[in-house]
Amino acid sequence: NTLDVSRNNISKIPASFVNLSALTELRMDMNEVAELPKQFGELHNLRSLLLDHNVLTALPMSMMNLALLELLNLEFNALEIIPSLQNMASLRVLLLSHNRLTVTPAGIGKLGKLNT
């Protein structure tokens, strides 16, 4: 199940968004999203998450619960730190360029499926 709301002017995601529990792909790139709901990690079936080209400065700790996630694109945001990724064992593609990161995300060394 895919939801594509890319290339809009979305700036806020309601907390009720996490009720879309069957969602496997979320395309929310090229918007104005500044923050994600704290419960965002409850979208347990997500396999592909595109949040590039937004204005995110932080991610909720619940993101580490996205264990089935295979693709995570966070490029072109304003992120300074990424929560631990060690529980994202299925992650194959991680895109983090053009942010404000000063350290490598914790747990990245434990992602055995990550393409390098």
PDB file of N, CA and C in Angstrom:
ATOM      1  N   ASN A   1       0.845  -1.184   0.000  1.00  0.00           N
ATOM      2  CA  ASN A   1       0.000   0.000   0.000  1.00  0.00           C
ATOM      3  C   ASN A   1       0.877   1.229   0.000  1.00  0.00           C
ATOM      4  N   THR A   2       0.665   2.092  -0.957  1.00  0.00           N
ATOM      5  CA  THR A   2       1.496   3.273  -1.162  1.00  0.00           C
ATOM      6  C   THR A   2       0.687   4.549  -1.008  1.00  0.00           C
ATOM      7  N   LEU A   3       1.316   5.534  -0.375  1.00  0.00           N
ATOM      8  CA  LEU A   3       0.746   6.872  -0.299  1.00  0.00           C
ATOM      9  C   LEU A   3       1.798   7.829  -0.837  1.00  0.00           C
ATOM     10  N   ASP A   4       1.454   8.551  -1.889  1.00  0.00           N
ATOM     11  CA  ASP A   4       2.369   9.509  -2.502  1.00  0.00           C
ATOM     12  C   ASP A   4       1.782  10.908  -2.371  1.00  0.00           C
ATOM     13  N   VAL A   5       2.372  11.706  -1.505  1.00  0.00           N
ATOM     14  CA  VAL A   5       1.965  13.102  -1.333  1.00  0.00           C
ATOM     15  C   VAL A   5       3.166  14.013  -1.574  1.00  0.00           C
ATOM     16  N   SER A   6       4.065  13.558  -2.422  1.00  0.00           N
ATOM     17  CA  SER A   6       5.256  14.341  -2.719  1.00  0.00           C
ATOM     18  C   SER A   6       4.907  15.571  -3.544  1.00  0.00           C
ATOM     19  N   ARG A   7       5.819  16.550  -3.496  1.00  0.00           N
ATOM     20  CA  ARG A   7       5.703  17.788  -4.281  1.00  0.00           C
ATOM     21  C   ARG A   7       4.423  18.574  -3.986  1.00  0.00           C
ATOM     22  N   ASN A   8       4.151  18.725  -2.710  1.00  0.00           N
ATOM     23  CA  ASN A   8       3.044  19.569  -2.259  1.00  0.00           C
ATOM     24  C   ASN A   8       3.621  20.626  -1.333  1.00  0.00           C
ATOM     25  N   ASN A   9       2.802  21.207  -0.519  1.00  0.00           N
ATOM     26  CA  ASN A   9       3.262  22.188   0.463  1.00  0.00           C
ATOM     27  C   ASN A   9       2.912  21.738   1.870  1.00  0.00           C
ATOM     28  N   ILE A  10       2.970  20.447   2.106  1.00  0.00           N
ATOM     29  CA  ILE A  10       2.618  19.890   3.414  1.00  0.00           C
ATOM     30  C   ILE A  10       3.655  20.322   4.441  1.00  0.00           C
ATOM     31  N   SER A  11       3.186  20.876   5.540  1.00  0.00           N
ATOM     32  CA  SER A  11       4.100  21.306   6.590  1.00  0.00           C
ATOM     33  C   SER A  11       3.871  20.569   7.904  1.00  0.00           C
ATOM     34  N   LYS A  12       2.705  19.982   8.065  1.00  0.00           N
ATOM     35  CA  LYS A  12       2.376  19.300   9.324  1.00  0.00           C
ATOM     36  C   LYS A  12       1.728  17.955   9.018  1.00  0.00           C
ATOM     37  N   ILE A  13       2.137  16.958   9.795  1.00  0.00           N
ATOM     38  CA  ILE A  13       1.555  15.624   9.684  1.00  0.00           C
ATOM     39  C   ILE A  13       0.770  15.369  10.969  1.00  0.00           C
ATOM     40  N   PRO A  14      -0.522  15.124  10.875  1.00  0.00           N
ATOM     41  CA  PRO A  14      -1.312  14.897  12.091  1.00  0.00           C
ATOM     42  C   PRO A  14      -0.913  13.586  12.779  1.00  0.00           C
ATOM     43  N   ALA A  15      -1.062  13.548  14.086  1.00  0.00           N
ATOM     44  CA  ALA A  15      -0.730  12.335  14.852  1.00  0.00           C
ATOM     45  C   ALA A  15      -1.558  11.146  14.387  1.00  0.00           C
ATOM     46  N   SER A  16      -2.773  11.390  13.916  1.00  0.00           N
ATOM     47  CA  SER A  16      -3.643  10.300  13.457  1.00  0.00           C
ATOM     48  C   SER A  16      -3.094   9.612  12.214  1.00  0.00           C
ATOM     49  N   PHE A  17      -2.093  10.188  11.594  1.00  0.00           N
ATOM     50  CA  PHE A  17      -1.458   9.613  10.414  1.00  0.00           C
ATOM     51  C   PHE A  17      -0.957   8.197  10.673  1.00  0.00           C
ATOM     52  N   VAL A  18      -0.555   7.930  11.902  1.00  0.00           N
ATOM     53  CA  VAL A  18      -0.015   6.605  12.239  1.00  0.00           C
ATOM     54  C   VAL A  18      -1.085   5.518  12.213  1.00  0.00           C
ATOM     55  N   ASN A  19      -2.347   5.897  12.035  1.00  0.00           N
ATOM     56  CA  ASN A  19      -3.414   4.904  11.905  1.00  0.00           C
ATOM     57  C   ASN A  19      -3.384   4.200  10.552  1.00  0.00           C
ATOM     58  N   LEU A  20      -2.545   4.667   9.641  1.00  0.00           N
ATOM     59  CA  LEU A  20      -2.408   4.029   8.328  1.00  0.00           C
ATOM     60  C   LEU A  20      -1.457   2.845   8.451  1.00  0.00           C
ATOM     61  N   SER A  21      -1.822   1.894   9.270  1.00  0.00           N
ATOM     62  CA  SER A  21      -0.927   0.800   9.651  1.00  0.00           C
ATOM     63  C   SER A  21      -0.566  -0.151   8.521  1.00  0.00           C
ATOM     64  N   ALA A  22      -1.343  -0.200   7.448  1.00  0.00           N
ATOM     65  CA  ALA A  22      -1.047  -1.103   6.333  1.00  0.00           C
ATOM     66  C   ALA A  22      -0.086  -0.476   5.324  1.00  0.00           C
ATOM     67  N   LEU A  23       0.295   0.768   5.545  1.00  0.00           N
ATOM     68  CA  LEU A  23       1.153   1.484   4.617  1.00  0.00           C
ATOM     69  C   LEU A  23       2.523   0.815   4.517  1.00  0.00           C
ATOM     70  N   THR A  24       2.962   0.532   3.287  1.00  0.00           N
ATOM     71  CA  THR A  24       4.287  -0.046   3.072  1.00  0.00           C
ATOM     72  C   THR A  24       5.245   0.934   2.408  1.00  0.00           C
ATOM     73  N   GLU A  25       4.700   1.910   1.687  1.00  0.00           N
ATOM     74  CA  GLU A  25       5.541   2.920   1.040  1.00  0.00           C
ATOM     75  C   GLU A  25       4.925   4.293   1.258  1.00  0.00           C
ATOM     76  N   LEU A  26       5.751   5.213   1.747  1.00  0.00           N
ATOM     77  CA  LEU A  26       5.310   6.591   1.960  1.00  0.00           C
ATOM     78  C   LEU A  26       6.259   7.523   1.227  1.00  0.00           C
ATOM     79  N   ARG A  27       5.706   8.246   0.283  1.00  0.00           N
ATOM     80  CA  ARG A  27       6.460   9.257  -0.473  1.00  0.00           C
ATOM     81  C   ARG A  27       5.962  10.632  -0.032  1.00  0.00           C
ATOM     82  N   MET A  28       6.763  11.297   0.775  1.00  0.00           N
ATOM     83  CA  MET A  28       6.407  12.617   1.280  1.00  0.00           C
ATOM     84  C   MET A  28       7.556  13.588   0.997  1.00  0.00           C
ATOM     85  N   ASP A  29       8.290  13.309  -0.059  1.00  0.00           N
ATOM     86  CA  ASP A  29       9.420  14.147  -0.419  1.00  0.00           C
ATOM     87  C   ASP A  29       8.953  15.459  -1.048  1.00  0.00           C
ATOM     88  N   MET A  30       9.847  16.435  -0.998  1.00  0.00           N
ATOM     89  CA  MET A  30       9.618  17.756  -1.586  1.00  0.00           C
ATOM     90  C   MET A  30       8.373  18.445  -1.037  1.00  0.00           C
ATOM     91  N   ASN A  31       8.358  18.557   0.279  1.00  0.00           N
ATOM     92  CA  ASN A  31       7.310  19.282   0.983  1.00  0.00           C
ATOM     93  C   ASN A  31       7.965  20.275   1.930  1.00  0.00           C
ATOM     94  N   GLU A  32       7.249  20.661   2.963  1.00  0.00           N
ATOM     95  CA  GLU A  32       7.764  21.604   3.963  1.00  0.00           C
ATOM     96  C   GLU A  32       7.647  21.010   5.369  1.00  0.00           C
ATOM     97  N   VAL A  33       7.755  19.692   5.472  1.00  0.00           N
ATOM     98  CA  VAL A  33       7.591  19.004   6.754  1.00  0.00           C
ATOM     99  C   VAL A  33       8.762  19.344   7.683  1.00  0.00           C
ATOM    100  N   ALA A  34       8.430  19.864   8.859  1.00  0.00           N
ATOM    101  CA  ALA A  34       9.449  20.252   9.835  1.00  0.00           C
ATOM    102  C   ALA A  34       9.623  19.211  10.934  1.00  0.00           C
ATOM    103  N   GLU A  35       8.560  18.455  11.222  1.00  0.00           N
ATOM    104  CA  GLU A  35       8.666  17.415  12.249  1.00  0.00           C
ATOM    105  C   GLU A  35       7.672  16.302  11.978  1.00  0.00           C
ATOM    106  N   LEU A  36       8.011  15.126  12.501  1.00  0.00           N
ATOM    107  CA  LEU A  36       7.146  13.957  12.379  1.00  0.00           C
ATOM    108  C   LEU A  36       6.457  13.705  13.714  1.00  0.00           C
ATOM    109  N   PRO A  37       5.268  13.114  13.693  1.00  0.00           N
ATOM    110  CA  PRO A  37       4.598  12.785  14.959  1.00  0.00           C
ATOM    111  C   PRO A  37       5.472  11.852  15.805  1.00  0.00           C
ATOM    112  N   LYS A  38       5.398  12.002  17.105  1.00  0.00           N
ATOM    113  CA  LYS A  38       6.189  11.157  18.014  1.00  0.00           C
ATOM    114  C   LYS A  38       5.920   9.675  17.792  1.00  0.00           C
ATOM    115  N   GLN A  39       4.708   9.329  17.369  1.00  0.00           N
ATOM    116  CA  GLN A  39       4.304   7.939  17.182  1.00  0.00           C
ATOM    117  C   GLN A  39       4.614   7.422  15.771  1.00  0.00           C
ATOM    118  N   PHE A  40       5.399   8.140  15.011  1.00  0.00           N
ATOM    119  CA  PHE A  40       5.646   7.785  13.615  1.00  0.00           C
ATOM    120  C   PHE A  40       6.161   6.348  13.472  1.00  0.00           C
ATOM    121  N   GLY A  41       6.902   5.874  14.433  1.00  0.00           N
ATOM    122  CA  GLY A  41       7.447   4.516  14.415  1.00  0.00           C
ATOM    123  C   GLY A  41       6.400   3.432  14.527  1.00  0.00           C
ATOM    124  N   GLU A  42       5.139   3.805  14.728  1.00  0.00           N
ATOM    125  CA  GLU A  42       4.063   2.814  14.782  1.00  0.00           C
ATOM    126  C   GLU A  42       3.618   2.374  13.385  1.00  0.00           C
ATOM    127  N   LEU A  43       4.196   2.951  12.347  1.00  0.00           N
ATOM    128  CA  LEU A  43       3.911   2.515  10.973  1.00  0.00           C
ATOM    129  C   LEU A  43       4.799   1.305  10.671  1.00  0.00           C
ATOM    130  N   HIS A  44       4.568   0.226  11.414  1.00  0.00           N
ATOM    131  CA  HIS A  44       5.438  -0.954  11.435  1.00  0.00           C
ATOM    132  C   HIS A  44       5.617  -1.645  10.092  1.00  0.00           C
ATOM    133  N   ASN A  45       4.709  -1.458   9.154  1.00  0.00           N
ATOM    134  CA  ASN A  45       4.805  -2.156   7.871  1.00  0.00           C
ATOM    135  C   ASN A  45       5.558  -1.366   6.808  1.00  0.00           C
ATOM    136  N   LEU A  46       6.029  -0.183   7.139  1.00  0.00           N
ATOM    137  CA  LEU A  46       6.750   0.631   6.159  1.00  0.00           C
ATOM    138  C   LEU A  46       8.010  -0.078   5.680  1.00  0.00           C
ATOM    139  N   ARG A  47       8.174  -0.100   4.363  1.00  0.00           N
ATOM    140  CA  ARG A  47       9.377  -0.661   3.768  1.00  0.00           C
ATOM    141  C   ARG A  47      10.170   0.402   3.004  1.00  0.00           C
ATOM    142  N   SER A  48       9.472   1.451   2.591  1.00  0.00           N
ATOM    143  CA  SER A  48      10.109   2.525   1.844  1.00  0.00           C
ATOM    144  C   SER A  48       9.592   3.864   2.376  1.00  0.00           C
ATOM    145  N   LEU A  49      10.518   4.734   2.770  1.00  0.00           N
ATOM    146  CA  LEU A  49      10.154   6.023   3.350  1.00  0.00           C
ATOM    147  C   LEU A  49      10.992   7.120   2.707  1.00  0.00           C
ATOM    148  N   LEU A  50      10.325   7.978   1.951  1.00  0.00           N
ATOM    149  CA  LEU A  50      11.003   9.073   1.263  1.00  0.00           C
ATOM    150  C   LEU A  50      10.588  10.398   1.898  1.00  0.00           C
ATOM    151  N   LEU A  51      11.505  10.989   2.630  1.00  0.00           N
ATOM    152  CA  LEU A  51      11.276  12.268   3.300  1.00  0.00           C
ATOM    153  C   LEU A  51      12.302  13.304   2.874  1.00  0.00           C
ATOM    154  N   ASP A  52      12.935  13.079   1.751  1.00  0.00           N
ATOM    155  CA  ASP A  52      13.955  14.011   1.284  1.00  0.00           C
ATOM    156  C   ASP A  52      13.328  15.338   0.845  1.00  0.00           C
ATOM    157  N   HIS A  53      14.160  16.379   0.845  1.00  0.00           N
ATOM    158  CA  HIS A  53      13.752  17.721   0.437  1.00  0.00           C
ATOM    159  C   HIS A  53      12.585  18.252   1.278  1.00  0.00           C
ATOM    160  N   ASN A  54      12.754  18.189   2.589  1.00  0.00           N
ATOM    161  CA  ASN A  54      11.832  18.794   3.543  1.00  0.00           C
ATOM    162  C   ASN A  54      12.652  19.725   4.430  1.00  0.00           C
ATOM    163  N   VAL A  55      12.162  20.066   5.586  1.00  0.00           N
ATOM    164  CA  VAL A  55      12.902  20.933   6.511  1.00  0.00           C
ATOM    165  C   VAL A  55      13.006  20.285   7.895  1.00  0.00           C
ATOM    166  N   LEU A  56      13.131  18.982   7.917  1.00  0.00           N
ATOM    167  CA  LEU A  56      13.238  18.247   9.182  1.00  0.00           C
ATOM    168  C   LEU A  56      14.511  18.626   9.922  1.00  0.00           C
ATOM    169  N   THR A  57      14.374  18.881  11.215  1.00  0.00           N
ATOM    170  CA  THR A  57      15.541  19.174  12.047  1.00  0.00           C
ATOM    171  C   THR A  57      15.837  18.036  13.012  1.00  0.00           C
ATOM    172  N   ALA A  58      14.844  17.185  13.260  1.00  0.00           N
ATOM    173  CA  ALA A  58      15.003  16.055  14.176  1.00  0.00           C
ATOM    174  C   ALA A  58      14.020  14.953  13.776  1.00  0.00           C
ATOM    175  N   LEU A  59      14.280  13.763  14.276  1.00  0.00           N
ATOM    176  CA  LEU A  59      13.403  12.620  14.042  1.00  0.00           C
ATOM    177  C   LEU A  59      12.954  12.064  15.384  1.00  0.00           C
ATOM    178  N   PRO A  60      11.739  11.545  15.468  1.00  0.00           N
ATOM    179  CA  PRO A  60      11.292  10.969  16.734  1.00  0.00           C
ATOM    180  C   PRO A  60      12.052   9.670  17.044  1.00  0.00           C
ATOM    181  N   MET A  61      12.243   9.410  18.316  1.00  0.00           N
ATOM    182  CA  MET A  61      12.937   8.182  18.739  1.00  0.00           C
ATOM    183  C   MET A  61      12.205   6.937  18.259  1.00  0.00           C
ATOM    184  N   SER A  62      10.903   7.039  18.059  1.00  0.00           N
ATOM    185  CA  SER A  62      10.124   5.872  17.625  1.00  0.00           C
ATOM    186  C   SER A  62      10.530   5.386  16.239  1.00  0.00           C
ATOM    187  N   MET A  63      11.271   6.192  15.488  1.00  0.00           N
ATOM    188  CA  MET A  63      11.725   5.776  14.153  1.00  0.00           C
ATOM    189  C   MET A  63      12.510   4.472  14.218  1.00  0.00           C
ATOM    190  N   MET A  64      13.189   4.229  15.340  1.00  0.00           N
ATOM    191  CA  MET A  64      13.984   3.006  15.455  1.00  0.00           C
ATOM    192  C   MET A  64      13.107   1.750  15.456  1.00  0.00           C
ATOM    193  N   ASN A  65      11.796   1.906  15.557  1.00  0.00           N
ATOM    194  CA  ASN A  65      10.883   0.761  15.551  1.00  0.00           C
ATOM    195  C   ASN A  65      10.503   0.302  14.145  1.00  0.00           C
ATOM    196  N   LEU A  66      10.994   0.985  13.126  1.00  0.00           N
ATOM    197  CA  LEU A  66      10.645   0.634  11.748  1.00  0.00           C
ATOM    198  C   LEU A  66      11.558  -0.494  11.253  1.00  0.00           C
ATOM    199  N   ALA A  67      11.377  -1.668  11.827  1.00  0.00           N
ATOM    200  CA  ALA A  67      12.275  -2.803  11.591  1.00  0.00           C
ATOM    201  C   ALA A  67      12.202  -3.364  10.175  1.00  0.00           C
ATOM    202  N   LEU A  68      11.112  -3.149   9.452  1.00  0.00           N
ATOM    203  CA  LEU A  68      10.968  -3.687   8.094  1.00  0.00           C
ATOM    204  C   LEU A  68      11.443  -2.705   7.022  1.00  0.00           C
ATOM    205  N   LEU A  69      11.833  -1.516   7.438  1.00  0.00           N
ATOM    206  CA  LEU A  69      12.228  -0.481   6.493  1.00  0.00           C
ATOM    207  C   LEU A  69      13.451  -0.920   5.683  1.00  0.00           C
ATOM    208  N   GLU A  70      13.346  -0.833   4.364  1.00  0.00           N
ATOM    209  CA  GLU A  70      14.441  -1.195   3.461  1.00  0.00           C
ATOM    210  C   GLU A  70      15.085   0.025   2.819  1.00  0.00           C
ATOM    211  N   LEU A  71      14.300   1.083   2.629  1.00  0.00           N
ATOM    212  CA  LEU A  71      14.794   2.309   2.000  1.00  0.00           C
ATOM    213  C   LEU A  71      14.397   3.502   2.857  1.00  0.00           C
ATOM    214  N   LEU A  72      15.389   4.301   3.237  1.00  0.00           N
ATOM    215  CA  LEU A  72      15.144   5.516   4.020  1.00  0.00           C
ATOM    216  C   LEU A  72      15.903   6.665   3.370  1.00  0.00           C
ATOM    217  N   ASN A  73      15.157   7.613   2.816  1.00  0.00           N
ATOM    218  CA  ASN A  73      15.767   8.775   2.181  1.00  0.00           C
ATOM    219  C   ASN A  73      15.447  10.021   2.997  1.00  0.00           C
ATOM    220  N   LEU A  74      16.484  10.592   3.592  1.00  0.00           N
ATOM    221  CA  LEU A  74      16.363  11.802   4.407  1.00  0.00           C
ATOM    222  C   LEU A  74      17.236  12.923   3.863  1.00  0.00           C
ATOM    223  N   GLU A  75      17.641  12.822   2.618  1.00  0.00           N
ATOM    224  CA  GLU A  75      18.518  13.825   2.022  1.00  0.00           C
ATOM    225  C   GLU A  75      17.851  15.199   1.985  1.00  0.00           C
ATOM    226  N   PHE A  76      18.676  16.230   1.963  1.00  0.00           N
ATOM    227  CA  PHE A  76      18.236  17.616   1.805  1.00  0.00           C
ATOM    228  C   PHE A  76      17.208  18.031   2.862  1.00  0.00           C
ATOM    229  N   ASN A  77      17.589  17.835   4.123  1.00  0.00           N
ATOM    230  CA  ASN A  77      16.825  18.330   5.261  1.00  0.00           C
ATOM    231  C   ASN A  77      17.781  19.175   6.102  1.00  0.00           C
ATOM    232  N   ALA A  78      17.482  19.350   7.361  1.00  0.00           N
ATOM    233  CA  ALA A  78      18.355  20.113   8.257  1.00  0.00           C
ATOM    234  C   ALA A  78      18.667  19.288   9.511  1.00  0.00           C
ATOM    235  N   LEU A  79      18.767  17.974   9.337  1.00  0.00           N
ATOM    236  CA  LEU A  79      18.988  17.065  10.462  1.00  0.00           C
ATOM    237  C   LEU A  79      20.392  17.220  11.042  1.00  0.00           C
ATOM    238  N   GLU A  80      20.470  17.303  12.357  1.00  0.00           N
ATOM    239  CA  GLU A  80      21.748  17.396  13.044  1.00  0.00           C
ATOM    240  C   GLU A  80      22.136  16.073  13.684  1.00  0.00           C
ATOM    241  N   ILE A  81      21.139  15.259  13.982  1.00  0.00           N
ATOM    242  CA  ILE A  81      21.389  13.949  14.608  1.00  0.00           C
ATOM    243  C   ILE A  81      20.287  12.982  14.166  1.00  0.00           C
ATOM    244  N   ILE A  82      20.646  11.728  14.062  1.00  0.00           N
ATOM    245  CA  ILE A  82      19.708  10.674  13.668  1.00  0.00           C
ATOM    246  C   ILE A  82      19.614   9.696  14.843  1.00  0.00           C
ATOM    247  N   PRO A  83      18.406   9.284  15.244  1.00  0.00           N
ATOM    248  CA  PRO A  83      18.302   8.288  16.314  1.00  0.00           C
ATOM    249  C   PRO A  83      18.996   6.984  15.912  1.00  0.00           C
ATOM    250  N   SER A  84      19.262   6.150  16.867  1.00  0.00           N
ATOM    251  CA  SER A  84      19.917   4.868  16.598  1.00  0.00           C
ATOM    252  C   SER A  84      19.172   4.086  15.521  1.00  0.00           C
ATOM    253  N   LEU A  85      19.935   3.496  14.632  1.00  0.00           N
ATOM    254  CA  LEU A  85      19.365   2.725  13.527  1.00  0.00           C
ATOM    255  C   LEU A  85      19.489   1.219  13.734  1.00  0.00           C
ATOM    256  N   GLN A  86      20.024   0.790  14.859  1.00  0.00           N
ATOM    257  CA  GLN A  86      20.373  -0.616  15.041  1.00  0.00           C
ATOM    258  C   GLN A  86      19.205  -1.584  14.918  1.00  0.00           C
ATOM    259  N   ASN A  87      17.970  -1.138  15.155  1.00  0.00           N
ATOM    260  CA  ASN A  87      16.816  -2.028  15.031  1.00  0.00           C
ATOM    261  C   ASN A  87      16.295  -2.123  13.602  1.00  0.00           C
ATOM    262  N   MET A  88      16.835  -1.334  12.704  1.00  0.00           N
ATOM    263  CA  MET A  88      16.396  -1.344  11.304  1.00  0.00           C
ATOM    264  C   MET A  88      17.193  -2.380  10.516  1.00  0.00           C
ATOM    265  N   ALA A  89      17.066  -3.630  10.924  1.00  0.00           N
ATOM    266  CA  ALA A  89      17.878  -4.716  10.364  1.00  0.00           C
ATOM    267  C   ALA A  89      17.627  -4.959   8.890  1.00  0.00           C
ATOM    268  N   SER A  90      16.494  -4.538   8.346  1.00  0.00           N
ATOM    269  CA  SER A  90      16.168  -4.765   6.938  1.00  0.00           C
ATOM    270  C   SER A  90      16.668  -3.653   6.024  1.00  0.00           C
ATOM    271  N   LEU A  91      17.217  -2.579   6.609  1.00  0.00           N
ATOM    272  CA  LEU A  91      17.608  -1.409   5.835  1.00  0.00           C
ATOM    273  C   LEU A  91      18.690  -1.753   4.814  1.00  0.00           C
ATOM    274  N   ARG A  92      18.393  -1.460   3.540  1.00  0.00           N
ATOM    275  CA  ARG A  92      19.330  -1.709   2.438  1.00  0.00           C
ATOM    276  C   ARG A  92      19.889  -0.409   1.874  1.00  0.00           C
ATOM    277  N   VAL A  93      19.063   0.639   1.874  1.00  0.00           N
ATOM    278  CA  VAL A  93      19.474   1.924   1.313  1.00  0.00           C
ATOM    279  C   VAL A  93      19.198   3.019   2.336  1.00  0.00           C
ATOM    280  N   LEU A  94      20.236   3.772   2.667  1.00  0.00           N
ATOM    281  CA  LEU A  94      20.141   4.883   3.615  1.00  0.00           C
ATOM    282  C   LEU A  94      20.778   6.102   2.971  1.00  0.00           C
ATOM    283  N   LEU A  95      19.979   7.128   2.743  1.00  0.00           N
ATOM    284  CA  LEU A  95      20.446   8.342   2.074  1.00  0.00           C
ATOM    285  C   LEU A  95      20.335   9.525   3.032  1.00  0.00           C
ATOM    286  N   LEU A  96      21.486  10.100   3.385  1.00  0.00           N
ATOM    287  CA  LEU A  96      21.527  11.159   4.396  1.00  0.00           C
ATOM    288  C   LEU A  96      22.259  12.422   3.944  1.00  0.00           C
ATOM    289  N   SER A  97      22.628  12.515   2.699  1.00  0.00           N
ATOM    290  CA  SER A  97      23.428  13.662   2.258  1.00  0.00           C
ATOM    291  C   SER A  97      22.661  14.981   2.382  1.00  0.00           C
ATOM    292  N   HIS A  98      23.410  16.060   2.431  1.00  0.00           N
ATOM    293  CA  HIS A  98      22.878  17.419   2.482  1.00  0.00           C
ATOM    294  C   HIS A  98      22.002  17.659   3.716  1.00  0.00           C
ATOM    295  N   ASN A  99      22.554  17.314   4.866  1.00  0.00           N
ATOM    296  CA  ASN A  99      21.960  17.612   6.163  1.00  0.00           C
ATOM    297  C   ASN A  99      23.011  18.363   6.969  1.00  0.00           C
ATOM    298  N   ARG A 100      22.835  18.414   8.278  1.00  0.00           N
ATOM    299  CA  ARG A 100      23.791  19.090   9.163  1.00  0.00           C
ATOM    300  C   ARG A 100      24.395  18.113  10.161  1.00  0.00           C
ATOM    301  N   LEU A 101      24.524  16.870   9.748  1.00  0.00           N
ATOM    302  CA  LEU A 101      25.047  15.827  10.627  1.00  0.00           C
ATOM    303  C   LEU A 101      26.519  16.073  10.940  1.00  0.00           C
ATOM    304  N   THR A 102      26.883  15.828  12.190  1.00  0.00           N
ATOM    305  CA  THR A 102      28.280  15.942  12.591  1.00  0.00           C
ATOM    306  C   THR A 102      28.837  14.607  13.069  1.00  0.00           C
ATOM    307  N   VAL A 103      27.938  13.632  13.286  1.00  0.00           N
ATOM    308  CA  VAL A 103      28.355  12.286  13.695  1.00  0.00           C
ATOM    309  C   VAL A 103      27.587  11.250  12.874  1.00  0.00           C
ATOM    310  N   THR A 104      28.188  10.086  12.739  1.00  0.00           N
ATOM    311  CA  THR A 104      27.534   8.974  12.064  1.00  0.00           C
ATOM    312  C   THR A 104      26.425   8.444  12.962  1.00  0.00           C
ATOM    313  N   PRO A 105      25.265   8.083  12.398  1.00  0.00           N
ATOM    314  CA  PRO A 105      24.175   7.561  13.233  1.00  0.00           C
ATOM    315  C   PRO A 105      24.587   6.321  14.027  1.00  0.00           C
ATOM    316  N   ALA A 106      24.191   6.263  15.286  1.00  0.00           N
ATOM    317  CA  ALA A 106      24.487   5.114  16.142  1.00  0.00           C
ATOM    318  C   ALA A 106      23.845   3.864  15.556  1.00  0.00           C
ATOM    319  N   GLY A 107      24.549   2.763  15.642  1.00  0.00           N
ATOM    320  CA  GLY A 107      24.009   1.486  15.190  1.00  0.00           C
ATOM    321  C   GLY A 107      24.190   1.213  13.713  1.00  0.00           C
ATOM    322  N   ILE A 108      24.775   2.145  12.971  1.00  0.00           N
ATOM    323  CA  ILE A 108      24.906   1.966  11.531  1.00  0.00           C
ATOM    324  C   ILE A 108      25.794   0.758  11.201  1.00  0.00           C
ATOM    325  N   GLY A 109      26.743   0.469  12.047  1.00  0.00           N
ATOM    326  CA  GLY A 109      27.642  -0.668  11.835  1.00  0.00           C
ATOM    327  C   GLY A 109      26.982  -2.019  11.985  1.00  0.00           C
ATOM    328  N   LYS A 110      25.764  -2.040  12.544  1.00  0.00           N
ATOM    329  CA  LYS A 110      25.043  -3.296  12.760  1.00  0.00           C
ATOM    330  C   LYS A 110      24.039  -3.584  11.655  1.00  0.00           C
ATOM    331  N   LEU A 111      24.034  -2.764  10.619  1.00  0.00           N
ATOM    332  CA  LEU A 111      23.080  -2.924   9.518  1.00  0.00           C
ATOM    333  C   LEU A 111      23.713  -3.773   8.423  1.00  0.00           C
ATOM    334  N   GLY A 112      23.634  -5.082   8.590  1.00  0.00           N
ATOM    335  CA  GLY A 112      24.309  -6.022   7.700  1.00  0.00           C
ATOM    336  C   GLY A 112      23.798  -6.030   6.275  1.00  0.00           C
ATOM    337  N   LYS A 113      22.588  -5.577   6.029  1.00  0.00           N
ATOM    338  CA  LYS A 113      22.022  -5.587   4.670  1.00  0.00           C
ATOM    339  C   LYS A 113      22.250  -4.271   3.928  1.00  0.00           C
ATOM    340  N   LEU A 114      22.817  -3.297   4.614  1.00  0.00           N
ATOM    341  CA  LEU A 114      22.995  -1.975   4.028  1.00  0.00           C
ATOM    342  C   LEU A 114      23.964  -2.053   2.847  1.00  0.00           C
ATOM    343  N   ASN A 115      23.535  -1.537   1.686  1.00  0.00           N
ATOM    344  CA  ASN A 115      24.379  -1.488   0.494  1.00  0.00           C
ATOM    345  C   ASN A 115      25.422  -0.404   0.665  1.00  0.00           C
ATOM    346  N   THR A 116      26.643  -0.744   0.386  1.00  0.00           N
ATOM    347  CA  THR A 116      27.718   0.255   0.520  1.00  0.00           C
ATOM    348  C   THR A 116      28.351   0.533  -0.823  1.00  0.00           C
TER     349      THR A 116
END
